[in-house]
Amino acid sequence: MGMRSRRFVFLSVILVFAMMAGMLVGCTTSDEDAEDSEETTEETTEEATGEPIKIGAVLSLTGVYAGLGEPEKNALEMEVARINAAGGVNGRPIEVIIEDDATEAEESVAATTRLIDQEEVVAIIGATGTGGTMGMREEIDAAGVPQVSIAGGTVVTGAFDPLVFQTPWSNTLVVPFTFTALEEAGISKIGLITDTGGFGGDGHEVLMSFTDEYGMEVVADETFNPGDTDMTAQLTKIKGTDAEAVVMWSAGSEAATVAKNMVDLEMDVPLYGSHGNARKEFIEGAGDAAEGFQFAAGKILIPETYGEGTPEYDVASEFTANYSEEYGEDPNTFAGHAYDALYIIVEALERLGDDFTLEELRDEIEATTGFVGIGGVFSYSADDHNGLTEDDLVLYKVEDGVWVLSE
């Protein structure tokens, strides 16, 4: 049975037991019998045993991307426990060894070296950020270890490497989707403000490459550095133009500062952002200034957008329910990126069997087709290691402190 099938079996078993309980209404069952039954059920659960299969993960648990790395870590730990409780992969447990890169590319490299040389991992998930992901490439290539990145920069898979895959929607998907939304809103003049980090720098390049195709005129082009605490000067320059909207490309906590500074400057144009802002920390950090903010991202934020009754909806709903129960809050898109990366590797491992090489694992990951994940339906190929389309995106708007579908 495939790992993807097992994700549905867990839910199906619950439904079967519920039906059996209904059929037994009116029968007399002692408390002792019920307890014995529960013990028997627990005893028949076959947990994974044997030598663990080690997977590395390079996440930003501290630094400016900590708000992304923490839900990624949560998702990995929760799903690894569920996989192992269900028998692991071909009877062997999965062990995910997590390293914190502190949102620093140099630390990503050091973490990758430790995971490869000391832990002898068979694959690496990460990094959280585009800069870290690209920094790891030399070590990945030298060792021949497949990498499934959870960063959204286009360069991750655009600068093609046969060993590197990606689970977020790349900027080359999100930028055209965003520009289409601007077109439909009657906006053609925009002020750009992007961060100079890996994701923001990549986003800026992609934004500029699509302006002519979508008839966008960039009337101001401003940047800020990761860690900056005030963008008033840059926004004042944008305010002095005839920009009809501000387009911000950043995945860090500084995005909330941009929103607040716009309110301070009484800027009355809408703010659009990237999928890097699809997290509650942006709303919490910006407060009332987040109202009206629009961004494109995947459907996990409102699972009903998958279409009730579809396989995508079932997978997302189960993940959301489990995550909420475990951590007391709904998962965001970054938790979903980690979930997808883990299961893409795990299901490739399961298809291979117990004896495999790193090259065979890479080939099997590339053979992933129709994988129903949180970010969408993934189909990799020899020349596409992102595997998603614009159909996996929707446009959100912050309204009354929560995200809703933008009309």
Protein backbone atom coordinates (compact mmCIF):
# COMPACT_ATOMS: atom_id res chain seq x y z
CA MET A 1 0.00 0.00 0.00
CA GLY A 2 1.39 3.44 -0.96
CA MET A 3 1.98 6.15 1.58
CA ARG A 4 -0.54 8.38 -0.19
CA SER A 5 -3.14 5.63 0.21
CA ARG A 6 -2.33 5.35 3.90
CA ARG A 7 -3.13 9.02 4.41
CA PHE A 8 -6.70 8.24 3.35
CA VAL A 9 -6.88 4.86 5.10
CA PHE A 10 -6.46 6.51 8.50
CA LEU A 11 -9.58 8.60 7.92
CA SER A 12 -11.47 5.64 6.43
CA VAL A 13 -10.78 3.47 9.46
CA ILE A 14 -12.31 6.11 11.70
CA LEU A 15 -15.43 6.18 9.55
CA VAL A 16 -15.72 2.38 9.63
CA PHE A 17 -15.54 2.32 13.41
CA ALA A 18 -18.18 5.05 13.59
CA MET A 19 -20.54 2.95 11.41
CA MET A 20 -19.92 -0.15 13.53
CA ALA A 21 -20.70 1.82 16.66
CA GLY A 22 -24.03 2.88 15.17
CA MET A 23 -24.93 -0.73 14.27
CA LEU A 24 -24.27 -1.85 17.82
CA VAL A 25 -26.69 0.60 19.41
CA GLY A 26 -29.03 -1.42 21.68
CA CYS A 27 -26.50 -4.23 22.28
CA THR A 28 -25.11 -4.68 25.77
CA THR A 29 -21.35 -4.33 25.98
CA SER A 30 -19.60 -4.18 29.32
CA ASP A 31 -17.01 -1.54 30.12
CA GLU A 32 -14.44 -4.34 30.51
CA ASP A 33 -15.20 -5.63 27.03
CA ALA A 34 -14.83 -2.11 25.63
CA GLU A 35 -11.50 -1.67 27.39
CA ASP A 36 -10.29 -5.06 26.11
CA SER A 37 -11.30 -4.04 22.60
CA GLU A 38 -9.37 -0.78 22.85
CA GLU A 39 -6.30 -2.64 24.13
CA THR A 40 -6.53 -5.12 21.26
CA THR A 41 -6.76 -2.26 18.73
CA GLU A 42 -3.73 -0.57 20.23
CA GLU A 43 -1.75 -3.84 20.28
CA THR A 44 -2.37 -4.45 16.57
CA THR A 45 -0.80 -1.13 15.54
CA GLU A 46 2.51 -1.97 13.89
CA GLU A 47 5.00 0.80 14.47
CA ALA A 48 8.09 1.06 12.32
CA THR A 49 11.18 -0.79 13.52
CA GLY A 50 14.72 -1.33 12.29
CA GLU A 51 17.39 1.01 11.00
CA PRO A 52 15.89 4.48 10.38
CA ILE A 53 16.00 6.19 7.01
CA LYS A 54 17.54 9.59 7.68
CA ILE A 55 16.31 12.73 5.93
CA GLY A 56 17.84 16.12 6.66
CA ALA A 57 15.95 19.42 6.94
CA VAL A 58 17.51 22.88 6.89
CA LEU A 59 14.99 25.34 8.33
CA SER A 60 15.04 28.95 9.51
CA LEU A 61 13.98 28.56 13.14
CA THR A 62 15.61 31.86 14.10
CA GLY A 63 16.30 35.06 12.18
CA VAL A 64 13.94 37.00 9.92
CA TYR A 65 12.34 33.82 8.47
CA ALA A 66 11.62 32.24 11.86
CA GLY A 67 7.90 32.75 11.27
CA LEU A 68 8.21 30.45 8.25
CA GLY A 69 10.55 27.86 9.73
CA GLU A 70 8.54 27.13 12.86
CA PRO A 71 5.37 25.88 11.09
CA GLU A 72 7.62 23.92 8.69
CA LYS A 73 9.22 22.20 11.69
CA ASN A 74 5.81 21.53 13.23
CA ALA A 75 4.51 19.89 10.07
CA LEU A 76 7.57 17.68 9.68
CA GLU A 77 7.55 16.47 13.27
CA MET A 78 3.82 15.77 13.25
CA GLU A 79 3.84 13.86 9.96
CA VAL A 80 6.98 11.86 10.78
CA ALA A 81 5.28 10.63 13.96
CA ARG A 82 2.18 9.65 11.97
CA ILE A 83 4.22 7.86 9.29
CA ASN A 84 6.20 5.87 11.84
CA ALA A 85 3.10 4.97 13.85
CA ALA A 86 1.60 3.57 10.65
CA GLY A 87 4.58 1.33 9.95
CA GLY A 88 7.12 3.72 8.49
CA VAL A 89 8.44 3.22 4.99
CA ASN A 90 8.74 -0.43 4.01
CA GLY A 91 8.82 -1.25 7.70
CA ARG A 92 11.62 1.19 8.54
CA PRO A 93 11.12 4.38 10.56
CA ILE A 94 11.79 7.79 9.09
CA GLU A 95 14.06 10.14 11.04
CA VAL A 96 14.11 13.80 10.03
CA ILE A 97 17.14 15.60 11.43
CA ILE A 98 16.43 19.33 11.60
CA GLU A 99 19.14 22.01 11.47
CA ASP A 100 18.54 25.73 12.06
CA ASP A 101 20.25 28.02 9.56
CA ALA A 102 19.21 31.23 11.40
CA THR A 103 18.11 32.66 8.01
CA GLU A 104 21.75 32.90 6.97
CA ALA A 105 22.99 31.34 3.73
CA GLU A 106 26.37 30.49 5.25
CA GLU A 107 24.65 28.57 8.02
CA SER A 108 22.60 26.69 5.43
CA VAL A 109 25.83 25.50 3.86
CA ALA A 110 27.29 24.43 7.21
CA ALA A 111 24.09 22.62 8.14
CA THR A 112 24.05 20.79 4.81
CA THR A 113 27.64 19.66 5.28
CA ARG A 114 26.84 18.27 8.75
CA LEU A 115 23.76 16.44 7.49
CA ILE A 116 25.63 14.85 4.60
CA ASP A 117 28.97 14.08 6.24
CA GLN A 118 27.93 13.25 9.80
CA GLU A 119 24.33 12.05 9.55
CA GLU A 120 24.56 10.46 6.07
CA VAL A 121 21.08 11.56 5.08
CA VAL A 122 19.52 10.24 1.87
CA ALA A 123 17.75 13.51 1.01
CA ILE A 124 17.49 17.09 2.28
CA ILE A 125 14.38 19.24 2.74
CA GLY A 126 15.02 22.97 2.63
CA ALA A 127 16.17 25.55 2.96
CA THR A 128 13.36 27.80 4.12
CA GLY A 129 14.77 30.72 2.14
CA THR A 130 15.87 31.09 -1.46
CA GLY A 131 19.32 32.36 -0.49
CA GLY A 132 19.93 29.38 1.77
CA THR A 133 18.63 26.97 -0.83
CA MET A 134 20.99 28.30 -3.48
CA GLY A 135 23.90 28.41 -1.05
CA MET A 136 23.54 24.67 -0.44
CA ARG A 137 23.83 23.73 -4.10
CA GLU A 138 27.57 23.05 -4.23
CA GLU A 139 27.36 20.61 -1.31
CA ILE A 140 24.24 18.96 -2.77
CA ASP A 141 25.90 18.46 -6.15
CA ALA A 142 29.16 17.17 -4.68
CA ALA A 143 27.38 14.54 -2.59
CA GLY A 144 24.69 13.63 -5.11
CA VAL A 145 21.99 13.97 -2.44
CA PRO A 146 18.54 14.98 -3.75
CA GLN A 147 17.15 18.22 -2.33
CA VAL A 148 13.50 19.26 -2.11
CA SER A 149 13.48 22.98 -1.45
CA ILE A 150 10.66 24.74 0.39
CA ALA A 151 11.70 28.20 -0.84
CA GLY A 152 9.70 30.08 -3.48
CA GLY A 153 12.36 31.77 -5.57
CA THR A 154 12.24 31.09 -9.31
CA VAL A 155 15.96 30.51 -9.39
CA VAL A 156 15.59 27.39 -7.22
CA THR A 157 14.41 25.32 -10.17
CA GLY A 158 14.83 27.92 -12.92
CA ALA A 159 18.61 27.60 -12.61
CA PHE A 160 18.04 23.92 -13.32
CA ASP A 161 19.85 21.27 -11.32
CA PRO A 162 18.88 17.61 -11.73
CA LEU A 163 19.18 17.08 -7.97
CA VAL A 164 17.01 20.02 -6.86
CA PHE A 165 13.20 20.02 -6.62
CA GLN A 166 10.75 22.56 -5.17
CA THR A 167 7.35 22.53 -3.45
CA PRO A 168 6.26 26.24 -3.28
CA TRP A 169 4.84 28.01 -6.31
CA SER A 170 7.74 29.81 -7.95
CA ASN A 171 7.72 33.54 -8.58
CA THR A 172 7.24 32.85 -12.29
CA LEU A 173 3.79 31.48 -11.41
CA VAL A 174 2.81 34.00 -8.74
CA VAL A 175 3.91 37.21 -10.49
CA PRO A 176 1.76 36.69 -13.64
CA PHE A 177 -1.16 35.66 -11.44
CA THR A 178 -0.74 38.86 -9.41
CA PHE A 179 -0.41 41.04 -12.50
CA THR A 180 -3.61 39.52 -13.87
CA ALA A 181 -5.37 40.55 -10.65
CA LEU A 182 -3.98 44.08 -11.02
CA GLU A 183 -5.21 44.22 -14.61
CA GLU A 184 -8.67 43.13 -13.57
CA ALA A 185 -8.68 45.87 -10.91
CA GLY A 186 -7.88 48.47 -13.58
CA ILE A 187 -4.37 49.11 -12.26
CA SER A 188 -1.50 49.71 -14.67
CA LYS A 189 0.91 52.00 -12.74
CA ILE A 190 2.70 50.41 -9.79
CA GLY A 191 5.29 51.31 -7.20
CA LEU A 192 7.58 48.41 -6.35
CA ILE A 193 9.17 47.83 -2.95
CA THR A 194 11.16 44.62 -2.59
CA ASP A 195 13.66 43.26 -0.11
CA THR A 196 17.23 42.61 -1.20
CA GLY A 197 17.31 39.05 0.12
CA GLY A 198 17.19 35.95 -2.05
CA PHE A 199 13.40 35.72 -2.36
CA GLY A 200 12.82 39.46 -2.76
CA GLY A 201 15.68 39.88 -5.21
CA ASP A 202 14.43 37.00 -7.31
CA GLY A 203 10.90 38.41 -7.14
CA HIS A 204 12.09 41.83 -8.31
CA GLU A 205 13.77 40.29 -11.34
CA VAL A 206 10.64 38.32 -12.25
CA LEU A 207 8.34 41.31 -11.66
CA MET A 208 10.40 43.44 -14.03
CA SER A 209 10.48 40.68 -16.65
CA PHE A 210 6.66 40.55 -16.86
CA THR A 211 5.81 44.28 -16.81
CA ASP A 212 5.67 44.73 -20.59
CA GLU A 213 3.62 41.58 -21.16
CA TYR A 214 0.97 42.76 -18.69
CA GLY A 215 1.13 46.46 -19.54
CA MET A 216 2.46 47.47 -16.12
CA GLU A 217 4.36 50.74 -15.76
CA VAL A 218 6.77 50.80 -12.82
CA VAL A 219 6.68 54.43 -11.66
CA ALA A 220 8.87 53.79 -8.59
CA ASP A 221 11.33 51.03 -7.76
CA GLU A 222 12.45 50.89 -4.13
CA THR A 223 14.22 48.27 -2.00
CA PHE A 224 14.92 47.55 1.66
CA ASN A 225 17.25 45.18 3.45
CA PRO A 226 16.24 42.22 5.62
CA GLY A 227 16.11 43.45 9.20
CA ASP A 228 15.24 47.08 8.32
CA THR A 229 12.75 48.60 10.75
CA ASP A 230 11.49 51.62 8.80
CA MET A 231 10.62 52.06 5.11
CA THR A 232 9.16 55.57 5.34
CA ALA A 233 11.79 57.07 3.02
CA GLN A 234 11.15 54.53 0.25
CA LEU A 235 7.37 54.79 0.57
CA THR A 236 7.51 58.60 0.55
CA LYS A 237 9.14 58.39 -2.87
CA ILE A 238 6.39 56.05 -4.10
CA LYS A 239 3.73 58.38 -2.67
CA GLY A 240 5.18 61.21 -4.73
CA THR A 241 4.38 59.35 -7.96
CA ASP A 242 1.11 58.49 -9.67
CA ALA A 243 1.31 54.86 -8.58
CA GLU A 244 -2.14 53.24 -8.45
CA ALA A 245 -0.92 50.41 -6.18
CA VAL A 246 2.13 49.35 -4.20
CA VAL A 247 3.49 45.89 -4.99
CA MET A 248 5.69 44.47 -2.23
CA TRP A 249 7.82 41.33 -2.63
CA SER A 250 9.18 39.99 0.64
CA ALA A 251 8.82 36.94 2.87
CA GLY A 252 10.21 38.45 6.05
CA SER A 253 8.70 40.20 9.04
CA GLU A 254 9.58 43.56 7.44
CA ALA A 255 6.46 43.25 5.27
CA ALA A 256 4.32 44.28 8.24
CA THR A 257 6.43 47.42 8.63
CA VAL A 258 5.74 48.37 5.01
CA ALA A 259 1.98 48.10 5.64
CA LYS A 260 2.17 50.18 8.83
CA ASN A 261 4.38 52.84 7.24
CA MET A 262 1.87 53.20 4.39
CA VAL A 263 -0.86 53.95 6.93
CA ASP A 264 1.41 56.42 8.74
CA LEU A 265 1.97 58.22 5.43
CA GLU A 266 -1.78 58.18 4.68
CA MET A 267 -1.20 56.44 1.37
CA ASP A 268 -4.59 55.69 -0.14
CA VAL A 269 -3.52 53.11 -2.76
CA PRO A 270 -3.90 49.35 -2.29
CA LEU A 271 -1.03 47.11 -1.20
CA TYR A 272 -0.39 43.83 -3.00
CA GLY A 273 2.17 41.27 -1.88
CA SER A 274 3.66 37.86 -2.49
CA HIS A 275 2.94 34.33 -1.32
CA GLY A 276 5.72 34.96 1.20
CA ASN A 277 3.18 36.93 3.26
CA ALA A 278 0.66 34.08 3.55
CA ARG A 279 1.03 33.77 7.30
CA LYS A 280 -0.74 35.06 10.36
CA GLU A 281 2.43 36.80 11.60
CA PHE A 282 1.98 39.40 8.87
CA ILE A 283 -1.57 40.17 10.03
CA GLU A 284 -0.53 40.21 13.69
CA GLY A 285 2.51 42.41 12.98
CA ALA A 286 0.66 44.90 10.79
CA GLY A 287 -2.51 45.04 12.89
CA ASP A 288 -5.15 47.32 11.37
CA ALA A 289 -2.69 48.26 8.61
CA ALA A 290 -3.10 44.78 7.15
CA GLU A 291 -6.70 45.52 6.15
CA GLY A 292 -7.18 45.34 2.40
CA PHE A 293 -3.81 43.71 1.74
CA GLN A 294 -4.03 41.29 -1.20
CA PHE A 295 -1.76 38.40 -2.16
CA ALA A 296 -1.76 35.22 -4.21
CA ALA A 297 -1.09 31.88 -2.54
CA GLY A 298 -2.26 28.29 -2.45
CA LYS A 299 -5.62 27.04 -1.28
CA ILE A 300 -4.68 25.66 2.16
CA LEU A 301 -5.64 28.95 3.87
CA ILE A 302 -9.29 28.26 2.96
CA PRO A 303 -9.51 24.51 2.19
CA GLU A 304 -13.00 24.85 0.67
CA THR A 305 -11.31 26.44 -2.35
CA TYR A 306 -9.97 23.01 -3.33
CA GLY A 307 -13.56 21.92 -4.00
CA GLU A 308 -15.35 19.85 -1.36
CA GLY A 309 -15.23 16.15 -2.06
CA THR A 310 -12.06 16.33 -4.18
CA PRO A 311 -8.88 14.41 -3.23
CA GLU A 312 -7.13 17.76 -2.72
CA TYR A 313 -9.82 18.88 -0.27
CA ASP A 314 -9.66 15.59 1.64
CA VAL A 315 -5.88 15.75 2.03
CA ALA A 316 -5.89 19.43 3.05
CA SER A 317 -8.80 19.01 5.47
CA GLU A 318 -7.18 16.06 7.23
CA PHE A 319 -3.86 17.90 7.50
CA THR A 320 -5.58 21.05 8.80
CA ALA A 321 -7.55 19.08 11.41
CA ASN A 322 -4.46 17.20 12.63
CA TYR A 323 -2.28 20.31 12.73
CA SER A 324 -4.92 22.35 14.55
CA GLU A 325 -5.37 19.63 17.14
CA GLU A 326 -1.63 19.28 17.65
CA TYR A 327 -0.64 22.95 17.74
CA GLY A 328 -3.83 24.88 18.52
CA GLU A 329 -3.86 26.84 15.26
CA ASP A 330 -4.46 26.26 11.57
CA PRO A 331 -1.46 25.53 9.35
CA ASN A 332 -0.22 28.15 6.91
CA THR A 333 1.22 27.68 3.44
CA PHE A 334 4.74 27.14 4.80
CA ALA A 335 3.65 24.17 6.89
CA GLY A 336 2.11 22.87 3.67
CA HIS A 337 5.39 23.26 1.75
CA ALA A 338 7.17 21.09 4.34
CA TYR A 339 4.37 18.50 4.29
CA ASP A 340 4.62 18.23 0.51
CA ALA A 341 8.42 17.93 0.54
CA LEU A 342 8.33 15.18 3.14
CA TYR A 343 5.70 13.07 1.41
CA ILE A 344 7.23 13.49 -2.04
CA ILE A 345 10.45 11.98 -0.65
CA VAL A 346 8.67 9.35 1.44
CA GLU A 347 6.50 8.10 -1.39
CA ALA A 348 9.53 7.92 -3.69
CA LEU A 349 11.30 5.85 -1.02
CA GLU A 350 8.33 3.55 -0.68
CA ARG A 351 8.19 2.91 -4.41
CA LEU A 352 11.89 2.00 -4.42
CA GLY A 353 11.86 -0.60 -1.68
CA ASP A 354 14.52 -1.16 0.97
CA ASP A 355 17.61 -1.23 -1.24
CA PHE A 356 18.30 1.93 -3.26
CA THR A 357 21.00 4.37 -4.28
CA LEU A 358 20.90 8.16 -4.06
CA GLU A 359 20.70 8.30 -7.84
CA GLU A 360 17.70 5.96 -7.85
CA LEU A 361 15.99 8.10 -5.21
CA ARG A 362 16.56 11.22 -7.32
CA ASP A 363 15.10 9.47 -10.35
CA GLU A 364 12.06 8.33 -8.37
CA ILE A 365 11.40 11.83 -7.02
CA GLU A 366 11.55 13.15 -10.58
CA ALA A 367 9.01 10.46 -11.55
CA THR A 368 6.45 11.98 -9.14
CA THR A 369 3.21 12.43 -11.09
CA GLY A 370 -0.19 13.51 -9.88
CA PHE A 371 0.90 13.75 -6.24
CA VAL A 372 -1.94 15.39 -4.33
CA GLY A 373 -0.29 17.74 -1.86
CA ILE A 374 -1.14 20.83 0.13
CA GLY A 375 0.33 23.23 -2.43
CA GLY A 376 -1.48 21.57 -5.32
CA VAL A 377 -1.08 18.56 -7.58
CA PHE A 378 2.61 17.93 -8.35
CA SER A 379 3.88 16.41 -11.57
CA TYR A 380 7.64 16.65 -11.99
CA SER A 381 9.46 15.87 -15.22
CA ALA A 382 12.99 15.83 -16.60
CA ASP A 383 12.79 19.58 -17.27
CA ASP A 384 10.27 20.73 -14.61
CA HIS A 385 11.20 20.29 -10.95
CA ASN A 386 8.49 22.64 -9.65
CA GLY A 387 5.53 20.71 -10.99
CA LEU A 388 2.75 23.22 -10.20
CA THR A 389 0.58 25.56 -12.29
CA GLU A 390 -1.36 28.81 -11.79
CA ASP A 391 -4.46 26.67 -11.24
CA ASP A 392 -3.06 25.91 -7.78
CA LEU A 393 -3.27 29.60 -6.76
CA VAL A 394 -6.06 31.87 -5.50
CA LEU A 395 -6.13 35.58 -4.57
CA TYR A 396 -6.67 36.47 -0.90
CA LYS A 397 -7.53 39.70 0.87
CA VAL A 398 -7.17 40.59 4.55
CA GLU A 399 -10.55 41.61 5.93
CA ASP A 400 -11.42 42.15 9.62
CA GLY A 401 -8.11 40.61 10.64
CA VAL A 402 -8.46 37.36 8.67
CA TRP A 403 -7.85 36.33 5.08
CA VAL A 404 -10.81 35.86 2.77
CA LEU A 405 -11.06 35.22 -0.94
CA SER A 406 -10.59 38.42 -2.88
CA GLU A 407 -13.57 39.24 -5.09
